[in-house]
Amino acid sequence: MTRKLTTKRIGAAVAAAAAACALGLGTAGTAVAGGINPVPVSCTNEGGNEPGGQQPECKGKAHTQETENQNKPGHAPPGQNK
């Protein structure tokens, strides 16, 4: 092989590695930047009903807090809720 061909191959390998790293970091940054957090959406009592006047956060020991994963704009991303 000539020196010019070797230089081109090494350059192509370096460029491919840099592109792979950039794409990997960009995807990870997007997931973190989304900021998906559990948000209280409703309250249920032991009978499974929603008590009036206490939405969305529970007050009292006999109630269960229902949450939903939401991103910063307040939407539930698909596949993020149980």
PDB file of N, CA and C in Angstrom:
ATOM      1  N   MET A   1       0.842  -1.186   0.000  1.00  0.00           N
ATOM      2  CA  MET A   1       0.000   0.000   0.000  1.00  0.00           C
ATOM      3  C   MET A   1       0.883   1.244   0.000  1.00  0.00           C
ATOM      4  N   THR A   2       0.330   2.239  -0.612  1.00  0.00           N
ATOM      5  CA  THR A   2       1.072   3.488  -0.641  1.00  0.00           C
ATOM      6  C   THR A   2       0.785   4.283   0.623  1.00  0.00           C
ATOM      7  N   ARG A   3       1.634   5.232   0.871  1.00  0.00           N
ATOM      8  CA  ARG A   3       1.479   6.058   2.068  1.00  0.00           C
ATOM      9  C   ARG A   3       0.194   6.886   2.004  1.00  0.00           C
ATOM     10  N   LYS A   4      -0.178   7.362   0.819  1.00  0.00           N
ATOM     11  CA  LYS A   4      -1.375   8.173   0.647  1.00  0.00           C
ATOM     12  C   LYS A   4      -2.639   7.360   0.966  1.00  0.00           C
ATOM     13  N   LEU A   5      -2.684   6.105   0.525  1.00  0.00           N
ATOM     14  CA  LEU A   5      -3.833   5.241   0.782  1.00  0.00           C
ATOM     15  C   LEU A   5      -3.947   4.925   2.273  1.00  0.00           C
ATOM     16  N   THR A   6      -2.821   4.682   2.916  1.00  0.00           N
ATOM     17  CA  THR A   6      -2.811   4.413   4.359  1.00  0.00           C
ATOM     18  C   THR A   6      -3.328   5.625   5.134  1.00  0.00           C
ATOM     19  N   THR A   7      -2.897   6.792   4.756  1.00  0.00           N
ATOM     20  CA  THR A   7      -3.338   8.023   5.414  1.00  0.00           C
ATOM     21  C   THR A   7      -4.846   8.206   5.264  1.00  0.00           C
ATOM     22  N   LYS A   8      -5.380   7.916   4.078  1.00  0.00           N
ATOM     23  CA  LYS A   8      -6.825   8.035   3.849  1.00  0.00           C
ATOM     24  C   LYS A   8      -7.601   7.048   4.727  1.00  0.00           C
ATOM     25  N   ARG A   9      -7.113   5.827   4.831  1.00  0.00           N
ATOM     26  CA  ARG A   9      -7.802   4.818   5.640  1.00  0.00           C
ATOM     27  C   ARG A   9      -7.790   5.196   7.121  1.00  0.00           C
ATOM     28  N   ILE A  10      -6.668   5.674   7.593  1.00  0.00           N
ATOM     29  CA  ILE A  10      -6.585   6.091   9.007  1.00  0.00           C
ATOM     30  C   ILE A  10      -7.512   7.276   9.251  1.00  0.00           C
ATOM     31  N   GLY A  11      -7.530   8.217   8.318  1.00  0.00           N
ATOM     32  CA  GLY A  11      -8.418   9.374   8.442  1.00  0.00           C
ATOM     33  C   GLY A  11      -9.882   8.962   8.458  1.00  0.00           C
ATOM     34  N   ALA A  12     -10.243   8.011   7.602  1.00  0.00           N
ATOM     35  CA  ALA A  12     -11.625   7.518   7.559  1.00  0.00           C
ATOM     36  C   ALA A  12     -11.991   6.816   8.868  1.00  0.00           C
ATOM     37  N   ALA A  13     -11.063   6.050   9.419  1.00  0.00           N
ATOM     38  CA  ALA A  13     -11.321   5.356  10.686  1.00  0.00           C
ATOM     39  C   ALA A  13     -11.511   6.351  11.834  1.00  0.00           C
ATOM     40  N   VAL A  14     -10.676   7.368  11.858  1.00  0.00           N
ATOM     41  CA  VAL A  14     -10.795   8.401  12.902  1.00  0.00           C
ATOM     42  C   VAL A  14     -12.121   9.149  12.761  1.00  0.00           C
ATOM     43  N   ALA A  15     -12.508   9.475  11.532  1.00  0.00           N
ATOM     44  CA  ALA A  15     -13.772  10.177  11.305  1.00  0.00           C
ATOM     45  C   ALA A  15     -14.965   9.319  11.711  1.00  0.00           C
ATOM     46  N   ALA A  16     -14.904   8.032  11.406  1.00  0.00           N
ATOM     47  CA  ALA A  16     -16.002   7.133  11.790  1.00  0.00           C
ATOM     48  C   ALA A  16     -16.115   7.018  13.308  1.00  0.00           C
ATOM     49  N   ALA A  17     -14.985   6.921  13.991  1.00  0.00           N
ATOM     50  CA  ALA A  17     -15.005   6.837  15.453  1.00  0.00           C
ATOM     51  C   ALA A  17     -15.545   8.125  16.065  1.00  0.00           C
ATOM     52  N   ALA A  18     -15.153   9.267  15.520  1.00  0.00           N
ATOM     53  CA  ALA A  18     -15.640  10.552  16.035  1.00  0.00           C
ATOM     54  C   ALA A  18     -17.147  10.684  15.816  1.00  0.00           C
ATOM     55  N   ALA A  19     -17.637  10.242  14.661  1.00  0.00           N
ATOM     56  CA  ALA A  19     -19.076  10.311  14.392  1.00  0.00           C
ATOM     57  C   ALA A  19     -19.859   9.402  15.340  1.00  0.00           C
ATOM     58  N   ALA A  20     -19.335   8.216  15.590  1.00  0.00           N
ATOM     59  CA  ALA A  20     -20.005   7.290  16.500  1.00  0.00           C
ATOM     60  C   ALA A  20     -20.074   7.871  17.915  1.00  0.00           C
ATOM     61  N   CYS A  21     -18.999   8.475  18.359  1.00  0.00           N
ATOM     62  CA  CYS A  21     -18.997   9.091  19.700  1.00  0.00           C
ATOM     63  C   CYS A  21     -19.963  10.264  19.761  1.00  0.00           C
ATOM     64  N   ALA A  22     -19.983  11.081  18.742  1.00  0.00           N
ATOM     65  CA  ALA A  22     -20.871  12.249  18.729  1.00  0.00           C
ATOM     66  C   ALA A  22     -22.330  11.819  18.742  1.00  0.00           C
ATOM     67  N   LEU A  23     -22.678  10.816  17.965  1.00  0.00           N
ATOM     68  CA  LEU A  23     -24.064  10.338  17.954  1.00  0.00           C
ATOM     69  C   LEU A  23     -24.445   9.710  19.293  1.00  0.00           C
ATOM     70  N   GLY A  24     -23.543   8.969  19.897  1.00  0.00           N
ATOM     71  CA  GLY A  24     -23.821   8.346  21.197  1.00  0.00           C
ATOM     72  C   GLY A  24     -24.020   9.385  22.277  1.00  0.00           C
ATOM     73  N   LEU A  25     -23.199  10.405  22.312  1.00  0.00           N
ATOM     74  CA  LEU A  25     -23.340  11.447  23.329  1.00  0.00           C
ATOM     75  C   LEU A  25     -24.574  12.297  23.090  1.00  0.00           C
ATOM     76  N   GLY A  26     -24.905  12.551  21.842  1.00  0.00           N
ATOM     77  CA  GLY A  26     -26.086  13.354  21.525  1.00  0.00           C
ATOM     78  C   GLY A  26     -27.366  12.677  21.972  1.00  0.00           C
ATOM     79  N   THR A  27     -27.461  11.370  21.812  1.00  0.00           N
ATOM     80  CA  THR A  27     -28.654  10.640  22.218  1.00  0.00           C
ATOM     81  C   THR A  27     -28.780  10.610  23.732  1.00  0.00           C
ATOM     82  N   ALA A  28     -27.667  10.395  24.427  1.00  0.00           N
ATOM     83  CA  ALA A  28     -27.712  10.358  25.888  1.00  0.00           C
ATOM     84  C   ALA A  28     -28.090  11.731  26.446  1.00  0.00           C
ATOM     85  N   GLY A  29     -27.586  12.786  25.839  1.00  0.00           N
ATOM     86  CA  GLY A  29     -27.904  14.135  26.298  1.00  0.00           C
ATOM     87  C   GLY A  29     -29.376  14.463  26.135  1.00  0.00           C
ATOM     88  N   THR A  30     -29.996  13.953  25.088  1.00  0.00           N
ATOM     89  CA  THR A  30     -31.411  14.210  24.850  1.00  0.00           C
ATOM     90  C   THR A  30     -32.264  13.567  25.923  1.00  0.00           C
ATOM     91  N   ALA A  31     -31.920  12.353  26.322  1.00  0.00           N
ATOM     92  CA  ALA A  31     -32.703  11.651  27.346  1.00  0.00           C
ATOM     93  C   ALA A  31     -32.623  12.376  28.682  1.00  0.00           C
ATOM     94  N   VAL A  32     -31.457  12.874  29.017  1.00  0.00           N
ATOM     95  CA  VAL A  32     -31.293  13.578  30.282  1.00  0.00           C
ATOM     96  C   VAL A  32     -31.972  14.939  30.229  1.00  0.00           C
ATOM     97  N   ALA A  33     -31.876  15.608  29.084  1.00  0.00           N
ATOM     98  CA  ALA A  33     -32.429  16.946  28.970  1.00  0.00           C
ATOM     99  C   ALA A  33     -33.955  16.943  29.021  1.00  0.00           C
ATOM    100  N   GLY A  34     -34.586  15.805  28.695  1.00  0.00           N
ATOM    101  CA  GLY A  34     -36.040  15.720  28.702  1.00  0.00           C
ATOM    102  C   GLY A  34     -36.632  15.939  30.084  1.00  0.00           C
ATOM    103  N   GLY A  35     -35.934  15.542  31.128  1.00  0.00           N
ATOM    104  CA  GLY A  35     -36.394  15.743  32.494  1.00  0.00           C
ATOM    105  C   GLY A  35     -37.736  15.101  32.780  1.00  0.00           C
ATOM    106  N   ILE A  36     -37.835  13.787  32.648  1.00  0.00           N
ATOM    107  CA  ILE A  36     -39.079  13.083  32.923  1.00  0.00           C
ATOM    108  C   ILE A  36     -39.151  12.814  34.421  1.00  0.00           C
ATOM    109  N   ASN A  37     -40.218  13.317  35.070  1.00  0.00           N
ATOM    110  CA  ASN A  37     -40.384  13.190  36.506  1.00  0.00           C
ATOM    111  C   ASN A  37     -41.795  12.729  36.836  1.00  0.00           C
ATOM    112  N   PRO A  38     -41.975  11.985  37.955  1.00  0.00           N
ATOM    113  CA  PRO A  38     -43.321  11.619  38.373  1.00  0.00           C
ATOM    114  C   PRO A  38     -44.072  12.846  38.901  1.00  0.00           C
ATOM    115  N   VAL A  39     -45.309  13.021  38.450  1.00  0.00           N
ATOM    116  CA  VAL A  39     -46.135  14.162  38.839  1.00  0.00           C
ATOM    117  C   VAL A  39     -47.444  13.629  39.415  1.00  0.00           C
ATOM    118  N   PRO A  40     -47.897  14.140  40.565  1.00  0.00           N
ATOM    119  CA  PRO A  40     -49.172  13.676  41.105  1.00  0.00           C
ATOM    120  C   PRO A  40     -50.329  14.066  40.183  1.00  0.00           C
ATOM    121  N   VAL A  41     -51.171  13.081  39.850  1.00  0.00           N
ATOM    122  CA  VAL A  41     -52.287  13.357  38.949  1.00  0.00           C
ATOM    123  C   VAL A  41     -53.645  13.101  39.596  1.00  0.00           C
ATOM    124  N   SER A  42     -53.713  12.212  40.572  1.00  0.00           N
ATOM    125  CA  SER A  42     -54.986  11.960  41.240  1.00  0.00           C
ATOM    126  C   SER A  42     -54.751  11.262  42.564  1.00  0.00           C
ATOM    127  N   CYS A  43     -55.820  11.108  43.302  1.00  0.00           N
ATOM    128  CA  CYS A  43     -55.782  10.502  44.620  1.00  0.00           C
ATOM    129  C   CYS A  43     -56.926   9.492  44.698  1.00  0.00           C
ATOM    130  N   THR A  44     -56.675   8.303  45.223  1.00  0.00           N
ATOM    131  CA  THR A  44     -57.743   7.310  45.364  1.00  0.00           C
ATOM    132  C   THR A  44     -57.841   6.857  46.813  1.00  0.00           C
ATOM    133  N   ASN A  45     -59.055   6.475  47.224  1.00  0.00           N
ATOM    134  CA  ASN A  45     -59.244   5.944  48.571  1.00  0.00           C
ATOM    135  C   ASN A  45     -59.220   4.420  48.522  1.00  0.00           C
ATOM    136  N   GLU A  46     -59.483   3.757  49.647  1.00  0.00           N
ATOM    137  CA  GLU A  46     -59.400   2.300  49.711  1.00  0.00           C
ATOM    138  C   GLU A  46     -60.397   1.620  48.777  1.00  0.00           C
ATOM    139  N   GLY A  47     -61.504   2.256  48.473  1.00  0.00           N
ATOM    140  CA  GLY A  47     -62.499   1.695  47.567  1.00  0.00           C
ATOM    141  C   GLY A  47     -62.162   1.903  46.102  1.00  0.00           C
ATOM    142  N   GLY A  48     -61.046   2.606  45.797  1.00  0.00           N
ATOM    143  CA  GLY A  48     -60.642   2.840  44.421  1.00  0.00           C
ATOM    144  C   GLY A  48     -61.278   4.076  43.808  1.00  0.00           C
ATOM    145  N   ASN A  49     -61.997   4.837  44.609  1.00  0.00           N
ATOM    146  CA  ASN A  49     -62.655   6.052  44.117  1.00  0.00           C
ATOM    147  C   ASN A  49     -61.796   7.279  44.393  1.00  0.00           C
ATOM    148  N   GLU A  50     -62.041   8.339  43.637  1.00  0.00           N
ATOM    149  CA  GLU A  50     -61.340   9.591  43.860  1.00  0.00           C
ATOM    150  C   GLU A  50     -62.148  10.463  44.811  1.00  0.00           C
ATOM    151  N   PRO A  51     -61.598  10.773  45.993  1.00  0.00           N
ATOM    152  CA  PRO A  51     -62.321  11.637  46.916  1.00  0.00           C
ATOM    153  C   PRO A  51     -62.385  13.068  46.383  1.00  0.00           C
ATOM    154  N   GLY A  52     -63.502  13.711  46.545  1.00  0.00           N
ATOM    155  CA  GLY A  52     -63.679  15.071  46.046  1.00  0.00           C
ATOM    156  C   GLY A  52     -62.884  16.094  46.825  1.00  0.00           C
ATOM    157  N   GLY A  53     -62.477  17.137  46.160  1.00  0.00           N
ATOM    158  CA  GLY A  53     -61.835  18.272  46.820  1.00  0.00           C
ATOM    159  C   GLY A  53     -60.388  18.067  47.198  1.00  0.00           C
ATOM    160  N   GLN A  54     -59.745  16.982  46.809  1.00  0.00           N
ATOM    161  CA  GLN A  54     -58.354  16.759  47.205  1.00  0.00           C
ATOM    162  C   GLN A  54     -57.448  16.511  46.008  1.00  0.00           C
ATOM    163  N   GLN A  55     -57.826  16.934  44.869  1.00  0.00           N
ATOM    164  CA  GLN A  55     -57.038  16.634  43.676  1.00  0.00           C
ATOM    165  C   GLN A  55     -55.997  17.717  43.438  1.00  0.00           C
ATOM    166  N   PRO A  56     -54.832  17.409  42.922  1.00  0.00           N
ATOM    167  CA  PRO A  56     -54.338  16.091  42.597  1.00  0.00           C
ATOM    168  C   PRO A  56     -53.536  15.451  43.722  1.00  0.00           C
ATOM    169  N   GLU A  57     -53.258  16.161  44.804  1.00  0.00           N
ATOM    170  CA  GLU A  57     -52.436  15.587  45.865  1.00  0.00           C
ATOM    171  C   GLU A  57     -53.295  15.118  47.027  1.00  0.00           C
ATOM    172  N   CYS A  58     -52.894  13.991  47.631  1.00  0.00           N
ATOM    173  CA  CYS A  58     -53.665  13.367  48.709  1.00  0.00           C
ATOM    174  C   CYS A  58     -53.450  14.060  50.046  1.00  0.00           C
ATOM    175  N   LYS A  59     -54.513  14.053  50.829  1.00  0.00           N
ATOM    176  CA  LYS A  59     -54.452  14.495  52.219  1.00  0.00           C
ATOM    177  C   LYS A  59     -55.169  13.432  53.033  1.00  0.00           C
ATOM    178  N   GLY A  60     -54.462  12.806  53.921  1.00  0.00           N
ATOM    179  CA  GLY A  60     -55.053  11.750  54.733  1.00  0.00           C
ATOM    180  C   GLY A  60     -54.334  10.431  54.528  1.00  0.00           C
ATOM    181  N   LYS A  61     -54.366   9.584  55.568  1.00  0.00           N
ATOM    182  CA  LYS A  61     -53.613   8.332  55.532  1.00  0.00           C
ATOM    183  C   LYS A  61     -54.299   7.253  54.700  1.00  0.00           C
ATOM    184  N   ALA A  62     -55.602   7.305  54.535  1.00  0.00           N
ATOM    185  CA  ALA A  62     -56.330   6.237  53.844  1.00  0.00           C
ATOM    186  C   ALA A  62     -56.318   6.412  52.324  1.00  0.00           C
ATOM    187  N   HIS A  63     -55.578   7.374  51.822  1.00  0.00           N
ATOM    188  CA  HIS A  63     -55.566   7.631  50.382  1.00  0.00           C
ATOM    189  C   HIS A  63     -54.251   7.202  49.742  1.00  0.00           C
ATOM    190  N   THR A  64     -54.333   6.881  48.453  1.00  0.00           N
ATOM    191  CA  THR A  64     -53.156   6.484  47.680  1.00  0.00           C
ATOM    192  C   THR A  64     -52.900   7.532  46.608  1.00  0.00           C
ATOM    193  N   GLN A  65     -51.664   8.000  46.552  1.00  0.00           N
ATOM    194  CA  GLN A  65     -51.286   9.000  45.555  1.00  0.00           C
ATOM    195  C   GLN A  65     -51.001   8.328  44.229  1.00  0.00           C
ATOM    196  N   GLU A  66     -51.687   8.730  43.174  1.00  0.00           N
ATOM    197  CA  GLU A  66     -51.447   8.224  41.828  1.00  0.00           C
ATOM    198  C   GLU A  66     -50.568   9.237  41.095  1.00  0.00           C
ATOM    199  N   THR A  67     -49.484   8.758  40.470  1.00  0.00           N
ATOM    200  CA  THR A  67     -48.580   9.648  39.747  1.00  0.00           C
ATOM    201  C   THR A  67     -48.482   9.223  38.282  1.00  0.00           C
ATOM    202  N   GLU A  68     -47.961  10.136  37.489  1.00  0.00           N
ATOM    203  CA  GLU A  68     -47.737   9.881  36.066  1.00  0.00           C
ATOM    204  C   GLU A  68     -46.412  10.515  35.692  1.00  0.00           C
ATOM    205  N   ASN A  69     -45.603   9.816  34.913  1.00  0.00           N
ATOM    206  CA  ASN A  69     -44.344  10.385  34.445  1.00  0.00           C
ATOM    207  C   ASN A  69     -44.635  11.416  33.365  1.00  0.00           C
ATOM    208  N   GLN A  70     -44.096  12.629  33.563  1.00  0.00           N
ATOM    209  CA  GLN A  70     -44.319  13.704  32.598  1.00  0.00           C
ATOM    210  C   GLN A  70     -43.006  14.407  32.293  1.00  0.00           C
ATOM    211  N   ASN A  71     -42.901  14.952  31.079  1.00  0.00           N
ATOM    212  CA  ASN A  71     -41.742  15.743  30.724  1.00  0.00           C
ATOM    213  C   ASN A  71     -42.018  17.212  31.057  1.00  0.00           C
ATOM    214  N   LYS A  72     -41.066  18.098  30.765  1.00  0.00           N
ATOM    215  CA  LYS A  72     -41.208  19.505  31.156  1.00  0.00           C
ATOM    216  C   LYS A  72     -42.452  20.193  30.611  1.00  0.00           C
ATOM    217  N   PRO A  73     -42.888  19.917  29.358  1.00  0.00           N
ATOM    218  CA  PRO A  73     -44.116  20.555  28.876  1.00  0.00           C
ATOM    219  C   PRO A  73     -45.394  19.999  29.518  1.00  0.00           C
ATOM    220  N   GLY A  74     -45.278  18.955  30.347  1.00  0.00           N
ATOM    221  CA  GLY A  74     -46.450  18.408  31.023  1.00  0.00           C
ATOM    222  C   GLY A  74     -47.127  17.275  30.279  1.00  0.00           C
ATOM    223  N   HIS A  75     -46.427  16.674  29.327  1.00  0.00           N
ATOM    224  CA  HIS A  75     -46.982  15.552  28.570  1.00  0.00           C
ATOM    225  C   HIS A  75     -46.414  14.242  29.084  1.00  0.00           C
ATOM    226  N   ALA A  76     -47.206  13.179  28.987  1.00  0.00           N
ATOM    227  CA  ALA A  76     -46.735  11.857  29.355  1.00  0.00           C
ATOM    228  C   ALA A  76     -46.112  11.199  28.127  1.00  0.00           C
ATOM    229  N   PRO A  77     -44.783  11.022  28.104  1.00  0.00           N
ATOM    230  CA  PRO A  77     -44.128  10.411  26.951  1.00  0.00           C
ATOM    231  C   PRO A  77     -44.570   8.959  26.776  1.00  0.00           C
ATOM    232  N   PRO A  78     -44.733   8.480  25.552  1.00  0.00           N
ATOM    233  CA  PRO A  78     -45.153   7.103  25.342  1.00  0.00           C
ATOM    234  C   PRO A  78     -44.128   6.113  25.902  1.00  0.00           C
ATOM    235  N   GLY A  79     -44.616   5.089  26.564  1.00  0.00           N
ATOM    236  CA  GLY A  79     -43.751   4.067  27.107  1.00  0.00           C
ATOM    237  C   GLY A  79     -43.094   4.414  28.429  1.00  0.00           C
ATOM    238  N   GLN A  80     -43.431   5.557  29.019  1.00  0.00           N
ATOM    239  CA  GLN A  80     -42.787   5.984  30.261  1.00  0.00           C
ATOM    240  C   GLN A  80     -43.655   5.750  31.490  1.00  0.00           C
ATOM    241  N   ASN A  81     -44.891   5.330  31.319  1.00  0.00           N
ATOM    242  CA  ASN A  81     -45.787   5.137  32.456  1.00  0.00           C
ATOM    243  C   ASN A  81     -46.113   3.663  32.626  1.00  0.00           C
ATOM    244  N   LYS A  82     -46.349   3.289  33.863  1.00  0.00           N
ATOM    245  CA  LYS A  82     -46.672   1.892  34.160  1.00  0.00           C
ATOM    246  C   LYS A  82     -48.164   1.696  34.132  1.00  0.00           C
TER     247      LYS A  82
END
